[in-house]
N, C-alpha and C. Protein backbone atom coordinates (compact mmCIF):
# COMPACT_ATOMS: atom_id res chain seq x y z
N MET A 1 5.32 -15.95 6.95
CA MET A 1 5.66 -14.79 6.17
C MET A 1 6.44 -13.80 7.03
N SER A 2 7.41 -13.14 6.46
CA SER A 2 8.23 -12.17 7.15
C SER A 2 7.47 -10.88 7.37
N LYS A 3 7.71 -10.23 8.53
CA LYS A 3 7.07 -8.94 8.76
C LYS A 3 7.65 -7.88 7.85
N ASN A 4 8.79 -8.17 7.20
CA ASN A 4 9.40 -7.24 6.26
C ASN A 4 9.00 -7.52 4.82
N ALA A 5 8.06 -8.44 4.61
CA ALA A 5 7.62 -8.74 3.26
C ALA A 5 6.65 -7.66 2.80
N ILE A 6 6.71 -7.34 1.52
CA ILE A 6 5.80 -6.38 0.92
C ILE A 6 4.89 -7.16 0.00
N HIS A 7 3.60 -7.15 0.33
CA HIS A 7 2.62 -7.96 -0.40
C HIS A 7 1.90 -7.10 -1.44
N GLY A 8 1.16 -7.76 -2.32
CA GLY A 8 0.37 -7.07 -3.32
C GLY A 8 1.18 -6.63 -4.53
N THR A 9 2.37 -7.16 -4.67
CA THR A 9 3.21 -6.86 -5.82
C THR A 9 3.38 -8.13 -6.63
N PRO A 10 3.73 -8.00 -7.91
CA PRO A 10 3.99 -9.21 -8.68
C PRO A 10 5.22 -9.92 -8.12
N GLY A 11 5.02 -10.91 -7.32
CA GLY A 11 6.12 -11.57 -6.62
C GLY A 11 6.38 -10.83 -5.32
N GLU A 12 6.58 -11.54 -4.29
CA GLU A 12 6.79 -10.91 -2.99
C GLU A 12 8.18 -10.30 -2.90
N LEU A 13 8.25 -9.14 -2.27
CA LEU A 13 9.53 -8.46 -2.08
C LEU A 13 9.86 -8.44 -0.59
N LEU A 14 11.13 -8.48 -0.30
CA LEU A 14 11.60 -8.43 1.07
C LEU A 14 12.31 -7.09 1.30
N LEU A 15 11.92 -6.38 2.36
CA LEU A 15 12.54 -5.12 2.71
C LEU A 15 13.82 -5.41 3.48
N LEU A 16 14.96 -5.01 2.92
CA LEU A 16 16.25 -5.30 3.53
C LEU A 16 16.72 -4.19 4.46
N ARG A 17 16.47 -2.94 4.06
CA ARG A 17 16.95 -1.80 4.84
C ARG A 17 16.16 -0.56 4.45
N THR A 18 15.90 0.30 5.43
CA THR A 18 15.30 1.60 5.17
C THR A 18 16.14 2.65 5.89
N ARG A 19 16.50 3.70 5.17
CA ARG A 19 17.28 4.80 5.75
C ARG A 19 16.59 6.11 5.41
N ALA A 20 16.59 7.03 6.38
CA ALA A 20 16.09 8.38 6.17
C ALA A 20 17.31 9.29 6.00
N TYR A 21 17.35 10.02 4.90
CA TYR A 21 18.42 10.96 4.63
C TYR A 21 17.91 12.35 4.96
N PHE A 22 18.67 13.10 5.76
CA PHE A 22 18.15 14.36 6.29
C PHE A 22 19.20 15.48 6.29
N ASP A 23 18.67 16.71 6.32
CA ASP A 23 19.50 17.90 6.44
C ASP A 23 20.04 17.95 7.86
N PRO A 24 21.35 17.94 8.06
CA PRO A 24 21.91 17.89 9.41
C PRO A 24 21.67 19.17 10.22
N GLN A 25 21.34 20.27 9.54
CA GLN A 25 21.07 21.53 10.23
C GLN A 25 19.65 21.59 10.78
N THR A 26 18.67 21.18 9.95
CA THR A 26 17.26 21.34 10.30
C THR A 26 16.57 20.04 10.73
N GLY A 27 17.13 18.91 10.33
CA GLY A 27 16.50 17.63 10.60
C GLY A 27 15.43 17.24 9.59
N GLU A 28 15.23 18.08 8.56
CA GLU A 28 14.23 17.78 7.54
C GLU A 28 14.64 16.53 6.75
N VAL A 29 13.74 15.56 6.68
CA VAL A 29 13.99 14.35 5.89
C VAL A 29 13.76 14.70 4.43
N VAL A 30 14.80 14.52 3.62
CA VAL A 30 14.69 14.85 2.20
C VAL A 30 14.51 13.61 1.33
N HIS A 31 14.81 12.45 1.90
CA HIS A 31 14.60 11.21 1.14
C HIS A 31 14.49 10.02 2.09
N LEU A 32 13.57 9.15 1.80
CA LEU A 32 13.42 7.89 2.53
C LEU A 32 13.72 6.79 1.52
N HIS A 33 14.78 6.02 1.77
CA HIS A 33 15.22 5.02 0.80
C HIS A 33 14.99 3.61 1.35
N ARG A 34 14.32 2.80 0.54
CA ARG A 34 14.07 1.40 0.91
C ARG A 34 14.84 0.51 -0.06
N LEU A 35 15.59 -0.42 0.49
CA LEU A 35 16.33 -1.40 -0.31
C LEU A 35 15.53 -2.70 -0.27
N LEU A 36 15.11 -3.17 -1.44
CA LEU A 36 14.26 -4.35 -1.56
C LEU A 36 14.95 -5.43 -2.37
N ALA A 37 14.52 -6.66 -2.14
CA ALA A 37 15.00 -7.80 -2.93
C ALA A 37 13.85 -8.78 -3.09
N PRO A 38 13.84 -9.53 -4.18
CA PRO A 38 12.81 -10.56 -4.32
C PRO A 38 12.91 -11.56 -3.17
N ALA A 39 11.76 -11.95 -2.64
CA ALA A 39 11.73 -12.95 -1.57
C ALA A 39 12.45 -14.20 -2.03
N GLY A 40 13.26 -14.76 -1.17
CA GLY A 40 13.99 -15.98 -1.49
C GLY A 40 15.37 -15.72 -2.07
N MET A 41 15.63 -14.48 -2.48
CA MET A 41 16.94 -14.15 -3.03
C MET A 41 17.94 -14.03 -1.88
N SER A 42 19.09 -14.63 -2.04
CA SER A 42 20.11 -14.57 -1.01
C SER A 42 20.91 -13.27 -1.18
N VAL A 43 20.85 -12.40 -0.17
CA VAL A 43 21.57 -11.14 -0.21
C VAL A 43 22.37 -11.04 1.08
N ASP A 44 23.70 -10.96 0.95
CA ASP A 44 24.53 -10.87 2.14
C ASP A 44 24.78 -9.42 2.55
N THR A 45 25.34 -9.24 3.73
CA THR A 45 25.59 -7.91 4.28
C THR A 45 26.48 -7.09 3.37
N LYS A 46 27.48 -7.71 2.77
CA LYS A 46 28.39 -7.00 1.87
C LYS A 46 27.62 -6.40 0.70
N ARG A 47 26.72 -7.16 0.12
CA ARG A 47 25.92 -6.67 -1.03
C ARG A 47 25.01 -5.52 -0.59
N ILE A 48 24.42 -5.62 0.59
CA ILE A 48 23.56 -4.55 1.10
C ILE A 48 24.39 -3.27 1.27
N GLU A 49 25.58 -3.38 1.82
CA GLU A 49 26.45 -2.23 2.01
C GLU A 49 26.87 -1.63 0.66
N GLU A 50 27.17 -2.47 -0.33
CA GLU A 50 27.54 -1.99 -1.66
C GLU A 50 26.39 -1.22 -2.30
N GLU A 51 25.18 -1.77 -2.21
CA GLU A 51 24.00 -1.11 -2.78
C GLU A 51 23.74 0.22 -2.08
N THR A 52 23.88 0.23 -0.76
CA THR A 52 23.66 1.46 0.01
C THR A 52 24.70 2.51 -0.37
N SER A 53 25.96 2.11 -0.48
CA SER A 53 27.02 3.06 -0.85
C SER A 53 26.79 3.65 -2.24
N ALA A 54 26.39 2.81 -3.19
CA ALA A 54 26.12 3.29 -4.55
C ALA A 54 24.98 4.30 -4.54
N PHE A 55 23.93 4.02 -3.77
CA PHE A 55 22.82 4.96 -3.68
C PHE A 55 23.27 6.27 -3.06
N GLU A 56 24.06 6.21 -1.99
CA GLU A 56 24.51 7.42 -1.30
C GLU A 56 25.40 8.28 -2.20
N GLU A 57 26.20 7.65 -3.05
CA GLU A 57 27.02 8.41 -4.00
C GLU A 57 26.12 9.15 -4.99
N MET A 58 25.10 8.50 -5.49
CA MET A 58 24.16 9.12 -6.41
C MET A 58 23.42 10.26 -5.72
N LEU A 59 23.00 10.05 -4.49
CA LEU A 59 22.27 11.06 -3.73
C LEU A 59 23.15 12.29 -3.49
N ALA A 60 24.41 12.08 -3.17
CA ALA A 60 25.35 13.18 -2.93
C ALA A 60 25.51 14.04 -4.18
N ARG A 61 25.51 13.42 -5.35
CA ARG A 61 25.64 14.18 -6.60
C ARG A 61 24.40 15.01 -6.90
N SER A 62 23.25 14.60 -6.38
CA SER A 62 22.01 15.30 -6.72
C SER A 62 21.57 16.34 -5.69
N HIS A 63 22.35 16.52 -4.61
CA HIS A 63 22.01 17.51 -3.59
C HIS A 63 23.17 18.48 -3.40
N ASP A 64 22.82 19.72 -3.09
CA ASP A 64 23.83 20.76 -2.90
C ASP A 64 24.51 20.68 -1.54
N GLN A 65 24.00 19.86 -0.66
CA GLN A 65 24.53 19.79 0.70
C GLN A 65 24.84 18.35 1.07
N VAL A 66 25.64 18.19 2.09
CA VAL A 66 25.95 16.87 2.61
C VAL A 66 24.79 16.45 3.51
N LEU A 67 24.22 15.30 3.24
CA LEU A 67 23.11 14.79 4.04
C LEU A 67 23.63 13.74 5.02
N LYS A 68 22.97 13.65 6.15
CA LYS A 68 23.24 12.56 7.08
C LYS A 68 22.12 11.56 6.94
N SER A 69 22.31 10.37 7.53
CA SER A 69 21.25 9.36 7.44
C SER A 69 21.11 8.62 8.75
N VAL A 70 19.95 8.05 8.91
CA VAL A 70 19.64 7.25 10.09
C VAL A 70 18.84 6.04 9.65
N GLU A 71 19.10 4.91 10.29
CA GLU A 71 18.36 3.67 10.00
C GLU A 71 16.92 3.82 10.50
N VAL A 72 15.97 3.33 9.72
CA VAL A 72 14.55 3.36 10.09
C VAL A 72 14.11 1.93 10.35
N SER A 73 13.62 1.67 11.55
CA SER A 73 13.18 0.31 11.91
C SER A 73 11.85 -0.01 11.24
N ALA A 74 11.52 -1.28 11.18
CA ALA A 74 10.23 -1.72 10.63
C ALA A 74 9.09 -1.11 11.44
N GLU A 75 9.26 -1.00 12.75
CA GLU A 75 8.22 -0.42 13.61
C GLU A 75 8.02 1.06 13.29
N ASP A 76 9.13 1.80 13.13
CA ASP A 76 9.02 3.22 12.78
C ASP A 76 8.40 3.40 11.40
N LEU A 77 8.76 2.54 10.48
CA LEU A 77 8.21 2.61 9.13
C LEU A 77 6.69 2.44 9.16
N GLN A 78 6.19 1.56 10.02
CA GLN A 78 4.75 1.35 10.14
C GLN A 78 4.04 2.56 10.72
N ARG A 79 4.74 3.38 11.50
CA ARG A 79 4.14 4.58 12.09
C ARG A 79 3.97 5.70 11.08
N MET A 80 4.63 5.61 9.94
CA MET A 80 4.59 6.67 8.93
C MET A 80 3.35 6.50 8.05
N ASP A 81 2.63 7.60 7.89
CA ASP A 81 1.51 7.63 6.96
C ASP A 81 1.33 9.07 6.48
N ALA A 82 0.30 9.32 5.67
CA ALA A 82 0.10 10.64 5.08
C ALA A 82 -0.17 11.72 6.12
N SER A 83 -0.63 11.35 7.31
CA SER A 83 -0.94 12.35 8.33
C SER A 83 0.21 12.54 9.32
N THR A 84 1.36 11.97 9.02
CA THR A 84 2.50 12.06 9.93
C THR A 84 3.67 12.77 9.25
N THR A 85 4.23 13.75 9.94
CA THR A 85 5.44 14.40 9.49
C THR A 85 6.61 13.77 10.25
N VAL A 86 7.66 13.43 9.54
CA VAL A 86 8.82 12.80 10.16
C VAL A 86 10.02 13.72 10.00
N ARG A 87 10.71 13.96 11.09
CA ARG A 87 11.95 14.73 11.10
C ARG A 87 12.98 13.93 11.88
N VAL A 88 14.20 14.36 11.83
CA VAL A 88 15.26 13.75 12.63
C VAL A 88 15.79 14.84 13.55
N ASP A 89 15.87 14.53 14.83
CA ASP A 89 16.47 15.48 15.77
C ASP A 89 17.96 15.56 15.43
N PRO A 90 18.44 16.73 14.98
CA PRO A 90 19.85 16.84 14.57
C PRO A 90 20.84 16.54 15.69
N ASN A 91 20.43 16.76 16.93
CA ASN A 91 21.34 16.54 18.06
C ASN A 91 21.45 15.06 18.43
N SER A 92 20.31 14.38 18.50
CA SER A 92 20.32 12.98 18.94
C SER A 92 20.35 11.98 17.79
N GLY A 93 19.93 12.41 16.59
CA GLY A 93 19.84 11.49 15.46
C GLY A 93 18.62 10.59 15.53
N GLU A 94 17.68 10.90 16.44
CA GLU A 94 16.47 10.10 16.60
C GLU A 94 15.35 10.62 15.71
N LEU A 95 14.52 9.72 15.20
CA LEU A 95 13.35 10.12 14.43
C LEU A 95 12.33 10.77 15.35
N ALA A 96 11.66 11.81 14.85
CA ALA A 96 10.59 12.49 15.59
C ALA A 96 9.34 12.50 14.71
N PHE A 97 8.26 12.02 15.28
CA PHE A 97 6.98 11.93 14.53
C PHE A 97 6.03 12.99 15.03
N GLU A 98 5.38 13.69 14.10
CA GLU A 98 4.36 14.68 14.45
C GLU A 98 3.13 14.41 13.62
N ARG A 99 1.98 14.42 14.30
CA ARG A 99 0.72 14.26 13.59
C ARG A 99 0.33 15.59 12.99
N ALA A 100 -0.08 15.58 11.72
CA ALA A 100 -0.53 16.79 11.06
C ALA A 100 -1.84 17.24 11.68
N GLU A 101 -2.01 18.54 11.77
CA GLU A 101 -3.26 19.09 12.31
C GLU A 101 -4.40 18.80 11.37
N SER A 102 -5.54 18.45 11.93
CA SER A 102 -6.73 18.19 11.14
C SER A 102 -7.31 19.54 10.69
N GLY A 103 -7.77 19.63 9.46
CA GLY A 103 -8.32 20.86 8.91
C GLY A 103 -9.76 21.08 9.31
N GLU A 104 -10.28 20.32 10.25
CA GLU A 104 -11.70 20.46 10.63
C GLU A 104 -11.88 21.45 11.72
């Protein structure tokens, strides 16, 4: 089984790409987009780029500002959970993870 497979869904899905779209001034992530395909479906790089471009055009129409994006690795995606805040360093374009403070 692929480490990019998503289990527990009707039919297995394969994670093709994840991108974080962020405010270039503050680094605030405003959208995390995952591109999925049914396992076993043949998807070439051109199709992935077409799907990504179509999504980015839609996203641009729905926001008042120009957003930048950064690729999110499978390892970084696994680090994300409800207790983690994710930002992008506007200078380096690197993801930055912060653990939320415990309310105890």
